[in-house]
């Protein structure tokens, strides 16, 4: 309970004792003090596992048998019991009223044209939330159709207030309203990786039809846990999300630090709850990105070498179907324009073991010597890569 409620209950209890003392009664020494004692006894409780029991009133019934002013003393104990019942029911009522789901009118249902940071501030004003408090995003989960209309929306936030923390869950309720659920907790840990709500929502406003532009997609599922993280996923389309659109992140730029938002695109439909179940398109969008600088190492030398178009052409002519194929159950290896039939085991061995790669590190550059006896001549290429920039210095055929 807050301090104001406690003071009001004490005043109510005192007023009740004064009223009882003013009623006609038998003459008795220190009756006023005794009534105070009976009232306090009646309101006394004992808690077990967060359950409060009216122990004081039970003690009065079992052990106190007043011979004088029996009725008024029993009334004082009952008044104390009433104060106890109020003390446990008022917080429950306050909590129920505070946590009762609220509705706030939705001014714009289009994800592309709405301003989510302004929507969040408007919701806080409608709920009379204190201004100036720090709030962070727990997760964001929404589905939109290809025109950007909201099909499903969930936004979970935590706000720090003087009395603790408040959790909010904002959901789409039909076509015209937000439904907001909130509850208080005394303890919560906001990590440094958590993102401030206003900043996260402002970056969501950077999504536009020019960013999510795949014409085959009917629904987009956009989700994020809104955490700053080290990102190094290579087998994934990834972009920096900017006010002007998107900029692709190349694998050689990894790892980076940033907040990433996952986008799943579906060519199918959505169920009655707005959920989609297939991902024909999967992309990651990052903001507040910090590029750590290119790390040239043995693991990415070949990838850096293939950024040069002529080097990449050589690799294309000495890998995969350029050196072998399966045709109607027959396995064929290609070498200098000739096709040779081989066994399945030989075919698999060659594809697994070639090309032969030797990588060496020097003072200011790396060398990669790549050899494949299959495909067309030249069968060997040597590439030099700058240790600092990752760029191809030169290359020679052998």
Protein backbone atom coordinates (compact mmCIF):
# COMPACT_ATOMS: atom_id res chain seq x y z
CA UNK A 1 0.00 0.00 0.00
CA UNK A 2 1.08 3.56 -0.56
CA UNK A 3 1.63 5.93 2.36
CA UNK A 4 -1.57 7.90 1.70
CA UNK A 5 -3.73 4.77 1.99
CA UNK A 6 -1.99 3.77 5.22
CA UNK A 7 -2.57 7.21 6.76
CA UNK A 8 -6.25 7.18 5.73
CA UNK A 9 -6.75 3.75 7.32
CA UNK A 10 -5.11 4.93 10.56
CA UNK A 11 -7.33 8.01 10.62
CA UNK A 12 -10.38 5.84 9.96
CA UNK A 13 -9.38 3.52 12.79
CA UNK A 14 -8.83 6.43 15.18
CA UNK A 15 -12.18 8.00 14.24
CA UNK A 16 -13.90 4.68 14.87
CA UNK A 17 -12.41 4.38 18.35
CA UNK A 18 -13.42 7.95 19.19
CA UNK A 19 -16.97 7.24 18.03
CA UNK A 20 -17.22 4.06 20.12
CA UNK A 21 -15.90 5.89 23.19
CA UNK A 22 -18.53 8.58 22.74
CA UNK A 23 -21.36 6.04 23.01
CA UNK A 24 -23.00 5.57 26.42
CA UNK A 25 -21.14 2.94 28.43
CA UNK A 26 -20.50 1.72 31.94
CA UNK A 27 -17.99 3.68 33.96
CA UNK A 28 -14.58 2.02 33.51
CA UNK A 29 -11.06 3.25 34.16
CA UNK A 30 -8.95 3.91 31.01
CA UNK A 31 -11.79 2.75 28.75
CA UNK A 32 -10.52 4.88 25.83
CA UNK A 33 -7.06 3.26 25.98
CA UNK A 34 -8.63 -0.19 26.24
CA UNK A 35 -10.75 0.46 23.15
CA UNK A 36 -7.61 1.50 21.29
CA UNK A 37 -5.98 -1.76 22.38
CA UNK A 38 -8.95 -3.89 21.29
CA UNK A 39 -9.05 -2.13 17.91
CA UNK A 40 -5.33 -2.66 17.35
CA UNK A 41 -5.69 -6.30 18.44
CA UNK A 42 -8.55 -6.82 15.99
CA UNK A 43 -6.48 -5.41 13.11
CA UNK A 44 -3.34 -7.42 13.94
CA UNK A 45 -2.41 -10.02 11.30
CA UNK A 46 0.28 -12.61 10.67
CA UNK A 47 1.58 -13.47 7.20
CA UNK A 48 2.43 -16.97 5.98
CA UNK A 49 3.69 -17.30 2.39
CA UNK A 50 2.20 -13.92 1.50
CA UNK A 51 -1.18 -14.93 2.99
CA UNK A 52 -2.28 -12.68 5.85
CA UNK A 53 -4.37 -14.20 8.66
CA UNK A 54 -6.47 -12.18 11.18
CA UNK A 55 -4.64 -13.63 14.17
CA UNK A 56 -5.48 -10.68 16.45
CA UNK A 57 -9.25 -11.06 16.14
CA UNK A 58 -8.95 -14.83 16.68
CA UNK A 59 -6.98 -14.16 19.89
CA UNK A 60 -9.72 -11.76 21.05
CA UNK A 61 -12.41 -14.38 20.51
CA UNK A 62 -10.46 -17.15 22.24
CA UNK A 63 -8.83 -15.40 25.19
CA UNK A 64 -10.59 -12.10 25.91
CA UNK A 65 -13.87 -12.25 27.84
CA UNK A 66 -14.45 -8.67 29.09
CA UNK A 67 -16.89 -8.37 32.01
CA UNK A 68 -17.57 -4.66 31.57
CA UNK A 69 -18.54 -2.77 28.39
CA UNK A 70 -18.58 -6.09 26.58
CA UNK A 71 -20.51 -4.85 23.58
CA UNK A 72 -18.43 -1.75 22.86
CA UNK A 73 -15.14 -3.66 23.30
CA UNK A 74 -16.32 -6.34 20.88
CA UNK A 75 -17.27 -3.54 18.46
CA UNK A 76 -13.74 -2.11 18.81
CA UNK A 77 -12.24 -5.52 17.95
CA UNK A 78 -14.64 -5.86 15.00
CA UNK A 79 -13.65 -2.38 13.83
CA UNK A 80 -10.02 -3.49 13.92
CA UNK A 81 -10.95 -6.58 11.88
CA UNK A 82 -12.68 -4.30 9.35
CA UNK A 83 -9.50 -2.21 9.08
CA UNK A 84 -7.53 -5.43 8.46
CA UNK A 85 -9.95 -6.49 5.71
CA UNK A 86 -9.70 -3.06 4.10
CA UNK A 87 -5.89 -3.22 4.27
CA UNK A 88 -5.83 -6.40 2.18
CA UNK A 89 -8.71 -5.56 -0.17
CA UNK A 90 -7.65 -2.02 -1.12
CA UNK A 91 -4.28 -3.11 -2.66
CA UNK A 92 -6.10 -5.91 -4.50
CA UNK A 93 -8.66 -3.46 -5.88
CA UNK A 94 -5.93 -0.97 -6.81
CA UNK A 95 -3.97 -3.70 -8.59
CA UNK A 96 -7.07 -4.99 -10.40
CA UNK A 97 -8.07 -1.52 -11.58
CA UNK A 98 -4.49 -0.67 -12.64
CA UNK A 99 -3.99 -3.95 -14.54
CA UNK A 100 -7.43 -4.05 -16.15
CA UNK A 101 -6.89 -4.12 -19.94
CA UNK A 102 -7.46 -0.72 -21.53
CA UNK A 103 -8.33 0.28 -25.05
CA UNK A 104 -6.87 3.25 -26.87
CA UNK A 105 -8.16 4.28 -30.27
CA UNK A 106 -5.86 3.40 -33.18
CA UNK A 107 -5.45 6.45 -35.38
CA UNK A 108 -3.68 4.74 -38.29
CA UNK A 109 -3.50 1.03 -39.05
CA UNK A 110 -0.83 1.25 -41.77
CA UNK A 111 2.63 0.26 -40.55
CA UNK A 112 4.39 2.34 -43.20
CA UNK A 113 2.59 5.61 -42.50
CA UNK A 114 2.06 5.44 -38.71
CA UNK A 115 4.58 6.92 -36.29
CA UNK A 116 5.14 4.24 -33.65
CA UNK A 117 7.16 6.40 -31.26
CA UNK A 118 4.34 8.97 -31.21
CA UNK A 119 1.79 6.18 -30.76
CA UNK A 120 3.68 4.97 -27.69
CA UNK A 121 3.72 8.47 -26.15
CA UNK A 122 0.01 8.89 -26.90
CA UNK A 123 -0.77 5.56 -25.20
CA UNK A 124 1.21 6.63 -22.12
CA UNK A 125 -0.75 9.88 -21.96
CA UNK A 126 -4.06 8.02 -22.23
CA UNK A 127 -3.00 5.81 -19.29
CA UNK A 128 -1.79 8.84 -17.24
CA UNK A 129 1.68 7.32 -17.00
CA UNK A 130 4.31 9.59 -15.41
CA UNK A 131 6.35 11.49 -17.97
CA UNK A 132 10.11 11.37 -18.33
CA UNK A 133 10.60 7.73 -17.28
CA UNK A 134 13.01 5.43 -19.10
CA UNK A 135 11.35 2.56 -20.98
CA UNK A 136 12.95 -0.31 -22.92
CA UNK A 137 11.63 -2.83 -25.43
CA UNK A 138 11.34 -6.49 -24.43
CA UNK A 139 10.22 -7.76 -27.83
CA UNK A 140 8.42 -6.68 -30.98
CA UNK A 141 6.31 -9.04 -33.11
CA UNK A 142 4.05 -7.90 -35.94
CA UNK A 143 2.61 -9.12 -39.23
CA UNK A 144 1.64 -6.76 -42.07
CA UNK A 145 0.18 -7.36 -45.49
CA UNK A 146 1.89 -6.23 -48.69
CA UNK A 147 0.24 -2.79 -48.47
CA UNK A 148 1.55 -2.34 -44.92
CA UNK A 149 -1.75 -2.81 -43.05
CA UNK A 150 -1.39 -4.35 -39.61
CA UNK A 151 -2.62 -7.94 -39.36
CA UNK A 152 -1.03 -8.71 -36.00
CA UNK A 153 0.81 -6.47 -33.55
CA UNK A 154 2.57 -7.18 -30.25
CA UNK A 155 4.93 -4.81 -28.47
CA UNK A 156 6.23 -5.56 -24.98
CA UNK A 157 7.95 -2.80 -23.01
CA UNK A 158 9.23 -2.20 -19.48
CA UNK A 159 9.18 1.23 -17.88
CA UNK A 160 11.09 2.26 -14.79
CA UNK A 161 9.04 4.23 -12.28
CA UNK A 162 9.63 5.45 -8.72
CA UNK A 163 7.80 2.52 -7.14
CA UNK A 164 9.45 -0.14 -9.33
CA UNK A 165 8.84 -1.27 -12.89
CA UNK A 166 5.78 -1.47 -15.11
CA UNK A 167 5.44 -4.02 -17.91
CA UNK A 168 3.27 -3.11 -20.91
CA UNK A 169 1.90 -5.38 -23.61
CA UNK A 170 0.38 -3.51 -26.54
CA UNK A 171 -1.67 -5.56 -29.01
CA UNK A 172 -3.92 -4.92 -31.96
CA UNK A 173 -7.59 -5.17 -31.02
CA UNK A 174 -9.69 -5.35 -34.17
CA UNK A 175 -9.33 -2.59 -36.72
CA UNK A 176 -9.75 0.47 -34.52
CA UNK A 177 -8.06 0.01 -31.15
CA UNK A 178 -4.91 -0.85 -29.25
CA UNK A 179 -5.42 -3.20 -26.29
CA UNK A 180 -2.96 -2.46 -23.48
CA UNK A 181 -2.18 -4.74 -20.56
CA UNK A 182 0.15 -3.58 -17.80
CA UNK A 183 1.31 -4.78 -14.41
CA UNK A 184 3.81 -3.67 -11.78
CA UNK A 185 6.82 -5.57 -10.47
CA UNK A 186 9.20 -4.47 -7.75
CA UNK A 187 12.36 -6.02 -9.21
CA UNK A 188 13.54 -6.14 -12.80
CA UNK A 189 16.91 -6.02 -14.54
CA UNK A 190 17.39 -3.75 -17.53
CA UNK A 191 20.56 -4.86 -19.29
CA UNK A 192 22.87 -2.47 -21.16
CA UNK A 193 21.91 -4.28 -24.38
CA UNK A 194 18.24 -3.32 -23.97
CA UNK A 195 17.05 -0.65 -26.37
CA UNK A 196 15.28 2.54 -25.36
CA UNK A 197 11.69 2.34 -26.60
CA UNK A 198 11.60 5.66 -28.47
CA UNK A 199 14.81 4.96 -30.36
CA UNK A 200 13.74 1.44 -31.35
CA UNK A 201 10.32 2.58 -32.54
CA UNK A 202 11.80 5.47 -34.54
CA UNK A 203 13.96 2.98 -36.44
CA UNK A 204 10.91 0.82 -37.16
CA UNK A 205 9.50 3.89 -38.89
CA UNK A 206 12.34 3.52 -41.44
CA UNK A 207 10.60 0.49 -42.95
CA UNK A 208 8.84 1.45 -46.15
CA UNK A 209 7.51 -0.21 -49.33
CA UNK A 210 10.89 0.57 -50.86
CA UNK A 211 12.60 -1.56 -48.19
CA UNK A 212 10.15 -4.48 -48.18
CA UNK A 213 9.82 -4.54 -51.95
CA UNK A 214 9.45 -8.21 -52.97
CA UNK A 215 6.33 -8.23 -55.16
CA UNK A 216 5.73 -11.96 -54.63
CA UNK A 217 5.31 -11.57 -50.86
CA UNK A 218 1.78 -11.29 -49.45
CA UNK A 219 2.63 -10.94 -45.74
CA UNK A 220 5.71 -9.79 -43.81
CA UNK A 221 6.44 -10.99 -40.28
CA UNK A 222 8.69 -8.47 -38.51
CA UNK A 223 10.16 -9.37 -35.12
CA UNK A 224 13.00 -8.41 -32.82
CA UNK A 225 14.12 -8.78 -29.22
CA UNK A 226 15.56 -5.25 -29.45
CA UNK A 227 19.00 -6.06 -28.06
CA UNK A 228 22.39 -4.71 -29.08
CA UNK A 229 24.37 -7.76 -30.12
CA UNK A 230 27.42 -8.96 -31.98
CA UNK A 231 26.16 -10.09 -35.38
CA UNK A 232 28.09 -12.49 -37.63
CA UNK A 233 25.51 -14.56 -39.56
CA UNK A 234 27.02 -15.26 -42.96
CA UNK A 235 24.42 -17.37 -44.78
CA UNK A 236 21.78 -14.67 -44.53
CA UNK A 237 20.69 -11.61 -46.49
CA UNK A 238 21.44 -8.64 -44.23
CA UNK A 239 21.09 -4.88 -44.50
CA UNK A 240 21.70 -1.69 -42.59
CA UNK A 241 18.32 -0.02 -42.10
CA UNK A 242 18.55 3.73 -42.77
CA UNK A 243 16.18 6.67 -43.16
CA UNK A 244 16.78 6.43 -46.93
CA UNK A 245 16.20 2.70 -47.26
CA UNK A 246 18.62 -0.20 -46.87
CA UNK A 247 22.30 -0.93 -47.57
CA UNK A 248 23.48 -4.51 -47.94
CA UNK A 249 26.09 -5.84 -45.52
CA UNK A 250 28.72 -8.05 -47.15
CA UNK A 251 30.10 -11.11 -45.37
CA UNK A 252 33.61 -9.67 -45.37
CA UNK A 253 32.31 -6.77 -43.25
CA UNK A 254 31.36 -9.15 -40.45
CA UNK A 255 31.28 -9.21 -37.52
CA UNK A 256 29.38 -6.03 -36.72
CA UNK A 257 27.61 -4.75 -33.64
CA UNK A 258 24.01 -3.62 -33.90
CA UNK A 259 20.35 -4.23 -33.18
CA UNK A 260 18.86 -6.62 -35.68
CA UNK A 261 15.28 -7.03 -36.81
CA UNK A 262 14.25 -10.24 -38.56
CA UNK A 263 11.86 -10.12 -41.50
CA UNK A 264 10.08 -13.23 -42.78
CA UNK A 265 8.11 -12.93 -46.00
CA UNK A 266 5.29 -15.31 -46.88
CA UNK A 267 3.70 -15.98 -50.25
CA UNK A 268 0.86 -17.83 -48.50
CA UNK A 269 -1.84 -16.61 -46.16
CA UNK A 270 -2.27 -15.73 -42.51
CA UNK A 271 -4.56 -17.48 -40.02
CA UNK A 272 -7.33 -15.81 -38.01
CA UNK A 273 -4.79 -14.74 -35.36
CA UNK A 274 -2.52 -13.08 -37.91
CA UNK A 275 0.17 -15.78 -37.80
CA UNK A 276 2.05 -16.97 -40.88
CA UNK A 277 3.73 -20.34 -41.17
CA UNK A 278 6.12 -20.22 -44.13
CA UNK A 279 9.14 -18.05 -44.87
CA UNK A 280 9.76 -17.71 -48.59
CA UNK A 281 11.96 -14.72 -47.81
CA UNK A 282 14.17 -14.24 -44.77
CA UNK A 283 16.20 -11.07 -44.22
CA UNK A 284 17.87 -9.31 -41.31
CA UNK A 285 17.89 -5.53 -40.88
CA UNK A 286 20.28 -3.84 -38.46
CA UNK A 287 20.47 -0.32 -37.07
CA UNK A 288 22.95 1.51 -34.85
CA UNK A 289 25.55 -0.60 -36.65
CA UNK A 290 29.22 -0.42 -35.74
CA UNK A 291 31.62 -1.97 -38.24
CA UNK A 292 34.61 -3.36 -36.41
CA UNK A 293 36.90 -3.08 -39.40
CA UNK A 294 37.89 -5.82 -41.80
CA UNK A 295 39.53 -8.81 -40.18
CA UNK A 296 41.70 -10.45 -42.85
CA UNK A 297 42.43 -14.00 -41.77
CA UNK A 298 42.93 -17.46 -43.16
CA UNK A 299 39.23 -18.18 -42.90
CA UNK A 300 38.12 -15.46 -45.31
CA UNK A 301 41.08 -15.24 -47.74
CA UNK A 302 39.33 -17.16 -50.53
CA UNK A 303 36.16 -15.13 -50.10
CA UNK A 304 38.16 -11.89 -50.35
CA UNK A 305 40.02 -13.22 -53.40
CA UNK A 306 36.74 -13.98 -55.19
CA UNK A 307 35.68 -10.34 -54.93
CA UNK A 308 37.97 -9.74 -57.90
CA UNK A 309 35.87 -10.58 -60.99
CA UNK A 310 38.63 -12.42 -62.90
CA UNK A 311 39.61 -14.48 -59.88
CA UNK A 312 35.95 -15.30 -59.30
CA UNK A 313 35.64 -16.36 -62.92
CA UNK A 314 38.52 -18.82 -62.49
CA UNK A 315 36.84 -20.32 -59.41
CA UNK A 316 33.54 -20.64 -61.28
CA UNK A 317 35.32 -22.59 -64.04
CA UNK A 318 36.96 -24.99 -61.57
CA UNK A 319 34.14 -25.82 -59.16
CA UNK A 320 30.82 -27.67 -59.27
CA UNK A 321 29.34 -28.52 -62.66
CA UNK A 322 32.32 -26.93 -64.40
CA UNK A 323 34.41 -29.96 -63.43
CA UNK A 324 31.84 -32.72 -63.14
CA UNK A 325 28.21 -33.70 -63.51
CA UNK A 326 25.81 -36.61 -63.28
CA UNK A 327 23.94 -37.45 -66.47
CA UNK A 328 21.31 -40.21 -66.54
CA UNK A 329 23.05 -42.14 -63.76
CA UNK A 330 26.49 -41.73 -65.35
CA UNK A 331 29.15 -39.75 -63.51
CA UNK A 332 31.43 -37.55 -65.63
CA UNK A 333 34.54 -35.49 -64.84
CA UNK A 334 35.69 -32.72 -67.15
CA UNK A 335 39.35 -31.96 -67.83
CA UNK A 336 40.76 -29.71 -70.58
CA UNK A 337 37.67 -30.00 -72.73
CA UNK A 338 37.38 -33.77 -72.39
CA UNK A 339 34.72 -35.72 -70.51
CA UNK A 340 35.68 -38.91 -68.67
CA UNK A 341 33.24 -41.42 -67.20
CA UNK A 342 34.12 -42.38 -63.62
CA UNK A 343 32.57 -44.30 -60.76
CA UNK A 344 30.29 -42.59 -58.28
CA UNK A 345 32.95 -42.94 -55.56
CA UNK A 346 35.60 -41.29 -57.75
CA UNK A 347 33.20 -38.52 -58.69
CA UNK A 348 32.34 -37.73 -55.05
CA UNK A 349 36.01 -37.92 -54.01
CA UNK A 350 37.07 -35.38 -56.63
CA UNK A 351 34.31 -32.93 -55.74
CA UNK A 352 35.18 -33.19 -52.04
CA UNK A 353 38.98 -33.04 -52.29
CA UNK A 354 39.46 -30.39 -54.97
CA UNK A 355 40.58 -27.73 -55.31
CA UNK A 356 43.84 -27.99 -53.40
CA UNK A 357 44.45 -24.80 -51.42
CA UNK A 358 47.64 -23.48 -49.82
CA UNK A 359 47.41 -20.24 -47.81
CA UNK A 360 50.44 -18.42 -46.39
CA UNK A 361 50.75 -15.23 -44.35
CA UNK A 362 53.52 -12.72 -45.06
CA UNK A 363 54.42 -9.40 -43.47
CA UNK A 364 51.92 -7.21 -45.33
CA UNK A 365 49.95 -9.65 -47.44
CA UNK A 366 48.55 -13.15 -47.75
CA UNK A 367 49.00 -15.57 -50.62
CA UNK A 368 46.52 -18.20 -51.70
CA UNK A 369 47.58 -20.86 -54.21
CA UNK A 370 44.59 -22.77 -55.53
CA UNK A 371 44.98 -25.79 -57.82
CA UNK A 372 42.43 -27.98 -59.52
CA UNK A 373 43.59 -30.52 -62.14
CA UNK A 374 40.02 -30.70 -63.44
CA UNK A 375 38.25 -28.08 -65.51
CA UNK A 376 40.09 -26.13 -68.21
CA UNK A 377 43.63 -24.73 -68.11
CA UNK A 378 45.07 -22.83 -66.39
CA UNK A 379 44.69 -25.22 -63.49
CA UNK A 380 46.46 -23.13 -60.82
CA UNK A 381 46.01 -19.55 -59.67
CA UNK A 382 48.05 -17.63 -57.09
CA UNK A 383 46.45 -14.59 -55.50
CA UNK A 384 48.00 -11.97 -53.22
CA UNK A 385 45.67 -10.15 -50.76
CA UNK A 386 46.53 -7.02 -48.77
CA UNK A 387 46.61 -7.78 -45.01
CA UNK A 388 45.05 -4.44 -44.08
CA UNK A 389 42.44 -3.75 -46.76
CA UNK A 390 41.58 -7.29 -47.87
CA UNK A 391 41.88 -6.22 -51.50
CA UNK A 392 43.49 -8.32 -54.20
CA UNK A 393 46.98 -6.99 -54.93
CA UNK A 394 47.54 -9.18 -57.98
CA UNK A 395 47.16 -12.72 -59.25
CA UNK A 396 49.01 -15.04 -61.62
CA UNK A 397 48.14 -18.26 -63.41
CA UNK A 398 50.47 -21.23 -63.35
